[in-house]
Structures are given as structure tokens and as C-alpha cells.
Amino acid sequence: MTKPLLLLDVDGVLCPFGMMNEPEGFRYATIKDDVGIGVWVSDANADRIHRLMDTFEIHWCTGWLDGANQHIAPLHGLPDFPVCPINRYDRSVHWKWSAIQAYVGDRSYAFVDDDIHPQTAREMNQQTIPCLWVPVKCSVGLTDSHVEQLETWAASLYTPANADVS
């Protein structure tokens, strides 16, 4: 069986924002000195993504587009990931919904973003295509609990009827 997709946002997921103080376990990395753009990064998040690579085929689903490969992946020791092209603002379910729908087709997928309302997650998780929308708090970012939730969901996709037989 093919690994499910993991569509991963950057801001608020790998790189939290909106905190009153420096987040514990994070360091500030300047991306563009000329304009003073920087992000909070952590080795723990790098470890979490490496762990998820065993279970998922990871793709960026972010407004950073390929900038995630240029700037964010190196800060986390990650390889380049394919990029879900987000080229317009969707006002229906979620602003990335039409891009996600076109990109995943009929593949199982999980989507992790800080801009998912809990009600939207409940509704989207009822699709006929197996999917899991995981809301993340932007000031906290990805946690071990999110990783466990994702791994548990992915494991639920593997049943004797669809498991690879060697």
C-alpha cells in the first residue's frame, strides 16, 4: 500500500508565531537578512518530521510554496519535499481546500495547519477519501501528541485487505 500523503504547513506548525516570549526549545533563525525575516525553529520539530517520514509521503502545503524547500527544510535538516501548489484563495471550506482537493485526487492524506477551525476539521474528516485534518495552535506548533495522532490514523488505514503482502 502506498504511504498516505502528509500535507504540511510551515508558519504556526513547524515555525510557531504569536508568542509573548521566546518559545522554549526554539531558536530564532534569520532567513533574509536584508528584510529581517526570521522564524522560530527547533530540533524537536526536525525529529518529529523525520519520524513522520517513515509513515507518510510528506508534501509542503504552505504559502511558502517552494520557499519551504529553500529556507525551511535546511533549517530542519529535511530533504526537499514536493509542493502542493496553492495559487488562489478559496473561500469555501478552507483557503487551501481547492488546491488540496485537486492535488490529492483520491489518495489518503493528512493535513496539518494552524488555520483549521475545529468544526472544519470535523467536517473534513468525514470525507469519503480517508483524510485527517489536524488543527495546530500557532503559538505552540507541532507537538508529540500531533505526531502520535497522525501515526495512529495512518496505522488505521492498513488492514489485512489492503496491506502489502510480500
N, C-alpha and C. Protein backbone atom coordinates (compact mmCIF):
# COMPACT_ATOMS: atom_id res chain seq x y z
N MET A 1 0.85 -1.18 0.00
CA MET A 1 0.00 0.00 0.00
C MET A 1 0.89 1.24 0.00
N THR A 2 0.51 2.23 -0.75
CA THR A 2 1.23 3.49 -0.82
C THR A 2 1.05 4.25 0.49
N LYS A 3 2.12 4.90 0.91
CA LYS A 3 2.02 5.74 2.11
C LYS A 3 1.00 6.84 1.87
N PRO A 4 0.26 7.22 2.91
CA PRO A 4 -0.63 8.37 2.76
C PRO A 4 0.21 9.65 2.66
N LEU A 5 -0.38 10.66 2.06
CA LEU A 5 0.26 11.97 1.99
C LEU A 5 0.15 12.67 3.33
N LEU A 6 1.14 13.47 3.64
CA LEU A 6 1.05 14.39 4.77
C LEU A 6 1.30 15.78 4.19
N LEU A 7 0.26 16.60 4.18
CA LEU A 7 0.35 17.96 3.69
C LEU A 7 0.68 18.84 4.88
N LEU A 8 1.83 19.49 4.81
CA LEU A 8 2.38 20.17 5.98
C LEU A 8 2.53 21.67 5.75
N ASP A 9 1.94 22.44 6.63
CA ASP A 9 2.10 23.89 6.62
C ASP A 9 3.40 24.25 7.34
N VAL A 10 3.86 25.48 7.19
CA VAL A 10 5.09 25.94 7.84
C VAL A 10 4.77 26.85 9.02
N ASP A 11 4.26 28.05 8.73
CA ASP A 11 4.00 29.02 9.79
C ASP A 11 2.94 28.51 10.76
N GLY A 12 3.30 28.49 12.03
CA GLY A 12 2.37 28.03 13.05
C GLY A 12 2.43 26.54 13.28
N VAL A 13 3.07 25.80 12.38
CA VAL A 13 3.19 24.35 12.53
C VAL A 13 4.65 24.01 12.86
N LEU A 14 5.55 24.19 11.90
CA LEU A 14 6.98 23.99 12.17
C LEU A 14 7.61 25.21 12.82
N CYS A 15 7.10 26.36 12.47
CA CYS A 15 7.65 27.64 12.95
C CYS A 15 6.54 28.41 13.66
N PRO A 16 6.40 28.22 14.97
CA PRO A 16 5.33 28.91 15.68
C PRO A 16 5.52 30.43 15.68
N PHE A 17 4.43 31.12 15.93
CA PHE A 17 4.47 32.58 16.00
C PHE A 17 3.37 33.05 16.95
N GLY A 18 3.42 34.32 17.29
CA GLY A 18 2.37 34.90 18.13
C GLY A 18 2.56 34.68 19.61
N MET A 19 3.77 34.29 20.03
CA MET A 19 4.02 34.09 21.45
C MET A 19 4.42 35.41 22.09
N MET A 20 4.19 35.52 23.38
CA MET A 20 4.62 36.71 24.11
C MET A 20 6.11 36.64 24.43
N ASN A 21 6.64 35.42 24.58
CA ASN A 21 8.04 35.22 24.94
C ASN A 21 8.67 34.22 23.99
N GLU A 22 9.99 34.11 24.06
CA GLU A 22 10.70 33.13 23.25
C GLU A 22 10.21 31.72 23.62
N PRO A 23 9.82 30.95 22.62
CA PRO A 23 9.32 29.60 22.92
C PRO A 23 10.45 28.69 23.40
N GLU A 24 10.15 27.92 24.42
CA GLU A 24 11.15 27.00 24.99
C GLU A 24 11.54 25.95 23.96
N GLY A 25 12.85 25.73 23.82
CA GLY A 25 13.34 24.72 22.91
C GLY A 25 13.47 25.19 21.47
N PHE A 26 13.20 26.46 21.21
CA PHE A 26 13.30 27.01 19.86
C PHE A 26 14.44 28.01 19.78
N ARG A 27 14.96 28.19 18.59
CA ARG A 27 15.96 29.22 18.33
C ARG A 27 15.46 30.05 17.15
N TYR A 28 15.87 31.30 17.14
CA TYR A 28 15.45 32.20 16.08
C TYR A 28 16.45 32.11 14.94
N ALA A 29 15.96 31.90 13.74
CA ALA A 29 16.82 31.80 12.56
C ALA A 29 16.40 32.88 11.57
N THR A 30 17.34 33.70 11.18
CA THR A 30 17.07 34.73 10.19
C THR A 30 17.18 34.13 8.80
N ILE A 31 16.16 34.33 8.01
CA ILE A 31 16.12 33.77 6.67
C ILE A 31 16.61 34.78 5.64
N LYS A 32 16.14 35.99 5.77
CA LYS A 32 16.53 37.03 4.82
C LYS A 32 17.01 38.24 5.60
N ASP A 33 18.32 38.36 5.73
CA ASP A 33 18.90 39.47 6.49
C ASP A 33 18.49 40.83 5.95
N ASP A 34 18.37 40.94 4.64
CA ASP A 34 18.09 42.24 4.03
C ASP A 34 16.72 42.79 4.40
N VAL A 35 15.78 41.92 4.73
CA VAL A 35 14.46 42.40 5.11
C VAL A 35 14.08 41.96 6.53
N GLY A 36 14.98 41.31 7.22
CA GLY A 36 14.76 40.92 8.61
C GLY A 36 13.71 39.86 8.83
N ILE A 37 13.54 38.96 7.88
CA ILE A 37 12.57 37.88 8.04
C ILE A 37 13.25 36.73 8.78
N GLY A 38 12.58 36.24 9.80
CA GLY A 38 13.10 35.12 10.55
C GLY A 38 11.99 34.24 11.06
N VAL A 39 12.36 33.07 11.53
CA VAL A 39 11.39 32.10 12.04
C VAL A 39 11.95 31.41 13.28
N TRP A 40 11.08 30.88 14.09
CA TRP A 40 11.47 30.05 15.23
C TRP A 40 11.57 28.61 14.75
N VAL A 41 12.67 27.94 15.03
CA VAL A 41 12.85 26.55 14.64
C VAL A 41 13.32 25.74 15.85
N SER A 42 13.07 24.43 15.80
CA SER A 42 13.51 23.58 16.91
C SER A 42 13.98 22.23 16.38
N ASP A 43 14.94 21.67 17.08
CA ASP A 43 15.41 20.32 16.76
C ASP A 43 14.32 19.30 17.00
N ALA A 44 13.45 19.56 17.97
CA ALA A 44 12.35 18.62 18.26
C ALA A 44 11.42 18.50 17.06
N ASN A 45 11.12 19.62 16.41
CA ASN A 45 10.26 19.56 15.22
C ASN A 45 10.96 18.83 14.08
N ALA A 46 12.26 19.04 13.95
CA ALA A 46 13.02 18.31 12.93
C ALA A 46 12.91 16.81 13.19
N ASP A 47 13.07 16.41 14.44
CA ASP A 47 12.94 14.99 14.79
C ASP A 47 11.54 14.47 14.52
N ARG A 48 10.53 15.27 14.80
CA ARG A 48 9.14 14.86 14.56
C ARG A 48 8.90 14.61 13.08
N ILE A 49 9.40 15.51 12.23
CA ILE A 49 9.18 15.35 10.79
C ILE A 49 9.95 14.13 10.28
N HIS A 50 11.16 13.94 10.74
CA HIS A 50 11.92 12.75 10.34
C HIS A 50 11.17 11.48 10.75
N ARG A 51 10.59 11.49 11.92
CA ARG A 51 9.79 10.35 12.38
C ARG A 51 8.59 10.12 11.47
N LEU A 52 7.91 11.20 11.08
CA LEU A 52 6.73 11.07 10.23
C LEU A 52 7.07 10.62 8.81
N MET A 53 8.31 10.84 8.39
CA MET A 53 8.73 10.40 7.06
C MET A 53 8.68 8.87 6.92
N ASP A 54 8.73 8.16 8.04
CA ASP A 54 8.62 6.70 8.00
C ASP A 54 7.21 6.25 7.62
N THR A 55 6.24 7.05 7.95
CA THR A 55 4.83 6.70 7.79
C THR A 55 4.16 7.39 6.61
N PHE A 56 4.61 8.59 6.30
CA PHE A 56 3.94 9.43 5.31
C PHE A 56 4.87 9.81 4.17
N GLU A 57 4.25 10.15 3.06
CA GLU A 57 4.92 10.84 1.96
C GLU A 57 4.62 12.33 2.19
N ILE A 58 5.62 13.07 2.63
CA ILE A 58 5.39 14.44 3.06
C ILE A 58 5.48 15.41 1.88
N HIS A 59 4.53 16.34 1.86
CA HIS A 59 4.47 17.40 0.85
C HIS A 59 4.21 18.71 1.58
N TRP A 60 4.81 19.78 1.11
CA TRP A 60 4.51 21.10 1.67
C TRP A 60 3.14 21.55 1.18
N CYS A 61 2.38 22.16 2.07
CA CYS A 61 1.09 22.77 1.71
C CYS A 61 1.07 24.12 2.44
N THR A 62 1.77 25.07 1.86
CA THR A 62 2.03 26.32 2.54
C THR A 62 2.13 27.47 1.55
N GLY A 63 1.84 28.65 2.03
CA GLY A 63 2.03 29.83 1.22
C GLY A 63 3.50 30.09 0.89
N TRP A 64 4.41 29.39 1.56
CA TRP A 64 5.83 29.49 1.25
C TRP A 64 6.14 28.86 -0.11
N LEU A 65 5.24 27.99 -0.57
CA LEU A 65 5.45 27.24 -1.81
C LEU A 65 6.86 26.63 -1.80
N ASP A 66 7.64 26.77 -2.88
CA ASP A 66 8.97 26.16 -2.90
C ASP A 66 9.96 26.85 -1.97
N GLY A 67 9.60 28.02 -1.46
CA GLY A 67 10.44 28.67 -0.45
C GLY A 67 10.60 27.80 0.79
N ALA A 68 9.64 26.90 1.01
CA ALA A 68 9.77 25.96 2.13
C ALA A 68 10.99 25.06 1.92
N ASN A 69 11.23 24.63 0.68
CA ASN A 69 12.42 23.83 0.39
C ASN A 69 13.69 24.66 0.45
N GLN A 70 13.61 25.91 0.03
CA GLN A 70 14.79 26.77 0.01
C GLN A 70 15.20 27.24 1.40
N HIS A 71 14.23 27.53 2.26
CA HIS A 71 14.54 28.16 3.54
C HIS A 71 14.23 27.31 4.77
N ILE A 72 13.10 26.64 4.77
CA ILE A 72 12.65 25.93 5.98
C ILE A 72 13.27 24.54 6.09
N ALA A 73 13.27 23.78 4.99
CA ALA A 73 13.83 22.42 5.03
C ALA A 73 15.28 22.41 5.53
N PRO A 74 16.18 23.27 5.02
CA PRO A 74 17.56 23.24 5.51
C PRO A 74 17.69 23.53 7.01
N LEU A 75 16.83 24.41 7.53
CA LEU A 75 16.87 24.73 8.96
C LEU A 75 16.49 23.54 9.83
N HIS A 76 15.77 22.59 9.25
CA HIS A 76 15.31 21.40 9.98
C HIS A 76 16.04 20.13 9.54
N GLY A 77 17.03 20.27 8.67
CA GLY A 77 17.75 19.09 8.19
C GLY A 77 16.87 18.17 7.37
N LEU A 78 15.93 18.74 6.63
CA LEU A 78 14.98 17.95 5.84
C LEU A 78 15.36 17.97 4.37
N PRO A 79 14.97 16.92 3.65
CA PRO A 79 15.15 16.95 2.20
C PRO A 79 14.10 17.86 1.58
N ASP A 80 14.23 18.12 0.30
CA ASP A 80 13.17 18.83 -0.41
C ASP A 80 11.95 17.93 -0.48
N PHE A 81 10.79 18.52 -0.27
CA PHE A 81 9.52 17.81 -0.41
C PHE A 81 8.78 18.39 -1.60
N PRO A 82 7.93 17.59 -2.25
CA PRO A 82 7.06 18.15 -3.28
C PRO A 82 6.17 19.25 -2.67
N VAL A 83 5.68 20.13 -3.51
CA VAL A 83 4.90 21.28 -3.05
C VAL A 83 3.51 21.24 -3.66
N CYS A 84 2.50 21.28 -2.80
CA CYS A 84 1.11 21.42 -3.26
C CYS A 84 0.94 22.87 -3.70
N PRO A 85 0.66 23.10 -4.98
CA PRO A 85 0.57 24.49 -5.46
C PRO A 85 -0.72 25.17 -4.98
N ILE A 86 -0.53 26.21 -4.22
CA ILE A 86 -1.67 27.00 -3.75
C ILE A 86 -1.63 28.29 -4.54
N ASN A 87 -2.51 28.40 -5.52
CA ASN A 87 -2.43 29.55 -6.40
C ASN A 87 -3.66 30.45 -6.37
N ARG A 88 -4.56 30.18 -5.45
CA ARG A 88 -5.68 31.10 -5.29
C ARG A 88 -6.29 30.89 -3.91
N TYR A 89 -7.00 31.89 -3.49
CA TYR A 89 -7.65 31.88 -2.18
C TYR A 89 -9.04 31.30 -2.35
N ASP A 90 -9.32 30.22 -1.64
CA ASP A 90 -10.62 29.55 -1.70
C ASP A 90 -11.44 29.99 -0.49
N ARG A 91 -12.62 30.47 -0.73
CA ARG A 91 -13.46 30.96 0.37
C ARG A 91 -14.50 29.93 0.82
N SER A 92 -14.38 28.69 0.37
CA SER A 92 -15.38 27.70 0.76
C SER A 92 -15.05 27.11 2.13
N VAL A 93 -14.48 25.94 2.16
CA VAL A 93 -14.22 25.22 3.40
C VAL A 93 -13.00 25.78 4.13
N HIS A 94 -11.95 25.95 3.40
CA HIS A 94 -10.66 26.41 3.93
C HIS A 94 -9.93 27.06 2.76
N TRP A 95 -9.10 28.03 3.03
CA TRP A 95 -8.49 28.77 1.92
C TRP A 95 -7.58 27.91 1.06
N LYS A 96 -7.15 26.75 1.55
CA LYS A 96 -6.30 25.85 0.75
C LYS A 96 -7.10 24.68 0.17
N TRP A 97 -8.38 24.61 0.43
CA TRP A 97 -9.19 23.44 0.10
C TRP A 97 -9.16 23.09 -1.38
N SER A 98 -9.40 24.02 -2.27
CA SER A 98 -9.45 23.66 -3.69
C SER A 98 -8.09 23.15 -4.17
N ALA A 99 -7.01 23.74 -3.68
CA ALA A 99 -5.67 23.25 -4.04
C ALA A 99 -5.44 21.84 -3.52
N ILE A 100 -5.84 21.60 -2.29
CA ILE A 100 -5.69 20.26 -1.70
C ILE A 100 -6.50 19.24 -2.48
N GLN A 101 -7.74 19.57 -2.74
CA GLN A 101 -8.65 18.66 -3.44
C GLN A 101 -8.08 18.27 -4.81
N ALA A 102 -7.59 19.25 -5.55
CA ALA A 102 -7.01 18.98 -6.88
C ALA A 102 -5.72 18.19 -6.77
N TYR A 103 -4.95 18.46 -5.74
CA TYR A 103 -3.63 17.85 -5.58
C TYR A 103 -3.69 16.39 -5.15
N VAL A 104 -4.54 16.07 -4.18
CA VAL A 104 -4.54 14.71 -3.63
C VAL A 104 -5.34 13.73 -4.47
N GLY A 105 -6.29 14.21 -5.25
CA GLY A 105 -7.11 13.28 -6.02
C GLY A 105 -7.84 12.34 -5.09
N ASP A 106 -7.61 11.03 -5.27
CA ASP A 106 -8.29 10.06 -4.42
C ASP A 106 -7.34 9.40 -3.41
N ARG A 107 -6.18 10.01 -3.16
CA ARG A 107 -5.22 9.47 -2.20
C ARG A 107 -5.60 9.84 -0.77
N SER A 108 -5.32 8.94 0.14
CA SER A 108 -5.48 9.23 1.56
C SER A 108 -4.46 10.29 1.95
N TYR A 109 -4.89 11.21 2.82
CA TYR A 109 -3.97 12.27 3.21
C TYR A 109 -4.31 12.81 4.59
N ALA A 110 -3.30 13.38 5.21
CA ALA A 110 -3.48 14.16 6.43
C ALA A 110 -3.00 15.58 6.12
N PHE A 111 -3.63 16.55 6.75
CA PHE A 111 -3.30 17.95 6.54
C PHE A 111 -3.11 18.60 7.90
N VAL A 112 -1.94 19.19 8.12
CA VAL A 112 -1.63 19.83 9.40
C VAL A 112 -1.43 21.33 9.14
N ASP A 113 -2.24 22.15 9.82
CA ASP A 113 -2.20 23.59 9.60
C ASP A 113 -2.66 24.29 10.87
N ASP A 114 -2.19 25.50 11.07
CA ASP A 114 -2.62 26.28 12.23
C ASP A 114 -3.90 27.06 11.94
N ASP A 115 -4.38 27.02 10.72
CA ASP A 115 -5.55 27.78 10.31
C ASP A 115 -6.73 26.86 9.99
N ILE A 116 -6.94 25.87 10.85
CA ILE A 116 -8.08 24.95 10.69
C ILE A 116 -8.98 25.13 11.90
N HIS A 117 -10.19 25.53 11.67
CA HIS A 117 -11.18 25.63 12.74
C HIS A 117 -11.58 24.20 13.13
N PRO A 118 -11.74 23.92 14.42
CA PRO A 118 -12.12 22.56 14.85
C PRO A 118 -13.36 22.00 14.14
N GLN A 119 -14.36 22.84 13.90
CA GLN A 119 -15.56 22.39 13.18
C GLN A 119 -15.22 21.99 11.75
N THR A 120 -14.35 22.76 11.11
CA THR A 120 -13.91 22.42 9.75
C THR A 120 -13.21 21.08 9.75
N ALA A 121 -12.35 20.85 10.74
CA ALA A 121 -11.65 19.57 10.84
C ALA A 121 -12.65 18.43 10.97
N ARG A 122 -13.65 18.58 11.83
CA ARG A 122 -14.66 17.53 11.99
C ARG A 122 -15.38 17.24 10.68
N GLU A 123 -15.75 18.30 9.97
CA GLU A 123 -16.45 18.13 8.70
C GLU A 123 -15.56 17.47 7.65
N MET A 124 -14.33 17.94 7.53
CA MET A 124 -13.44 17.41 6.51
C MET A 124 -13.05 15.96 6.78
N ASN A 125 -12.95 15.59 8.04
CA ASN A 125 -12.58 14.23 8.39
C ASN A 125 -13.69 13.22 8.09
N GLN A 126 -14.84 13.70 7.59
CA GLN A 126 -15.95 12.83 7.20
C GLN A 126 -16.00 12.57 5.70
N GLN A 127 -14.98 13.00 4.96
CA GLN A 127 -14.95 12.79 3.51
C GLN A 127 -14.93 11.30 3.18
N THR A 128 -15.28 10.98 1.96
CA THR A 128 -15.23 9.58 1.54
C THR A 128 -13.79 9.12 1.36
N ILE A 129 -12.89 10.02 0.95
CA ILE A 129 -11.47 9.69 0.88
C ILE A 129 -10.92 9.77 2.29
N PRO A 130 -10.23 8.74 2.75
CA PRO A 130 -9.67 8.82 4.11
C PRO A 130 -8.75 10.02 4.25
N CYS A 131 -9.07 10.87 5.22
CA CYS A 131 -8.23 12.03 5.47
C CYS A 131 -8.32 12.41 6.94
N LEU A 132 -7.34 13.16 7.37
CA LEU A 132 -7.30 13.66 8.74
C LEU A 132 -6.80 15.09 8.70
N TRP A 133 -7.65 16.02 9.10
CA TRP A 133 -7.25 17.42 9.21
C TRP A 133 -6.90 17.68 10.67
N VAL A 134 -5.68 18.12 10.90
CA VAL A 134 -5.17 18.30 12.25
C VAL A 134 -4.92 19.78 12.52
N PRO A 135 -5.75 20.40 13.36
CA PRO A 135 -5.50 21.79 13.72
C PRO A 135 -4.37 21.89 14.74
N VAL A 136 -3.51 22.88 14.55
CA VAL A 136 -2.37 23.12 15.43
C VAL A 136 -2.46 24.55 15.93
N LYS A 137 -2.17 24.77 17.19
CA LYS A 137 -2.17 26.12 17.75
C LYS A 137 -0.90 26.84 17.29
N CYS A 138 -1.06 28.01 16.65
CA CYS A 138 0.07 28.71 16.02
C CYS A 138 1.17 29.11 17.00
N SER A 139 0.85 29.33 18.23
CA SER A 139 1.86 29.74 19.20
C SER A 139 2.59 28.56 19.84
N VAL A 140 2.15 27.35 19.49
CA VAL A 140 2.77 26.13 20.04
C VAL A 140 3.43 25.33 18.93
N GLY A 141 2.71 25.16 17.83
CA GLY A 141 3.23 24.39 16.71
C GLY A 141 3.02 22.88 16.90
N LEU A 142 3.71 22.14 16.08
CA LEU A 142 3.61 20.68 16.07
C LEU A 142 4.11 20.12 17.40
N THR A 143 3.40 19.12 17.92
CA THR A 143 3.77 18.50 19.19
C THR A 143 3.86 16.98 19.02
N ASP A 144 4.40 16.33 20.04
CA ASP A 144 4.44 14.86 20.03
C ASP A 144 3.04 14.28 19.96
N SER A 145 2.08 14.94 20.60
CA SER A 145 0.70 14.47 20.55
C SER A 145 0.15 14.49 19.12
N HIS A 146 0.47 15.52 18.35
CA HIS A 146 0.05 15.56 16.95
C HIS A 146 0.67 14.41 16.16
N VAL A 147 1.95 14.16 16.40
CA VAL A 147 2.64 13.08 15.69
C VAL A 147 1.99 11.74 16.02
N GLU A 148 1.68 11.52 17.27
CA GLU A 148 1.02 10.27 17.67
C GLU A 148 -0.35 10.15 17.02
N GLN A 149 -1.10 11.25 16.97
CA GLN A 149 -2.41 11.25 16.31
C GLN A 149 -2.27 10.88 14.84
N LEU A 150 -1.29 11.47 14.17
CA LEU A 150 -1.05 11.17 12.75
C LEU A 150 -0.65 9.72 12.54
N GLU A 151 0.24 9.22 13.37
CA GLU A 151 0.69 7.82 13.22
C GLU A 151 -0.45 6.84 13.49
N THR A 152 -1.26 7.13 14.49
CA THR A 152 -2.40 6.26 14.80
C THR A 152 -3.39 6.24 13.63
N TRP A 153 -3.66 7.41 13.07
CA TRP A 153 -4.57 7.48 11.94
C TRP A 153 -4.00 6.69 10.75
N ALA A 154 -2.73 6.89 10.43
CA ALA A 154 -2.11 6.19 9.30
C ALA A 154 -2.15 4.68 9.52
N ALA A 155 -1.89 4.24 10.73
CA ALA A 155 -1.94 2.80 11.03
C ALA A 155 -3.34 2.24 10.83
N SER A 156 -4.36 3.06 11.05
CA SER A 156 -5.75 2.60 10.88
C SER A 156 -6.09 2.34 9.41
N LEU A 157 -5.29 2.88 8.50
CA LEU A 157 -5.53 2.67 7.08
C LEU A 157 -5.10 1.29 6.62
N TYR A 158 -4.20 0.67 7.38
CA TYR A 158 -3.64 -0.62 6.99
C TYR A 158 -4.45 -1.73 7.64
N THR A 159 -5.20 -2.42 6.81
CA THR A 159 -5.98 -3.56 7.26
C THR A 159 -5.50 -4.77 6.46
N PRO A 160 -5.83 -5.97 6.87
CA PRO A 160 -5.40 -7.15 6.09
C PRO A 160 -5.83 -7.07 4.64
N ALA A 161 -6.94 -6.41 4.36
CA ALA A 161 -7.44 -6.34 2.98
C ALA A 161 -6.58 -5.43 2.09
N ASN A 162 -5.90 -4.43 2.68
CA ASN A 162 -5.13 -3.52 1.84
C ASN A 162 -3.64 -3.47 2.17
N ALA A 163 -3.18 -4.36 3.03
CA ALA A 163 -1.76 -4.40 3.38
C ALA A 163 -0.96 -5.06 2.26
N ASP A 164 0.28 -4.62 2.10
CA ASP A 164 1.17 -5.27 1.13
C ASP A 164 1.51 -6.67 1.62
N VAL A 165 1.48 -7.61 0.72
CA VAL A 165 1.85 -8.99 1.06
C VAL A 165 3.15 -9.29 0.34
N SER A 166 4.17 -9.69 1.10
CA SER A 166 5.46 -9.98 0.49
C SER A 166 5.70 -11.46 0.40
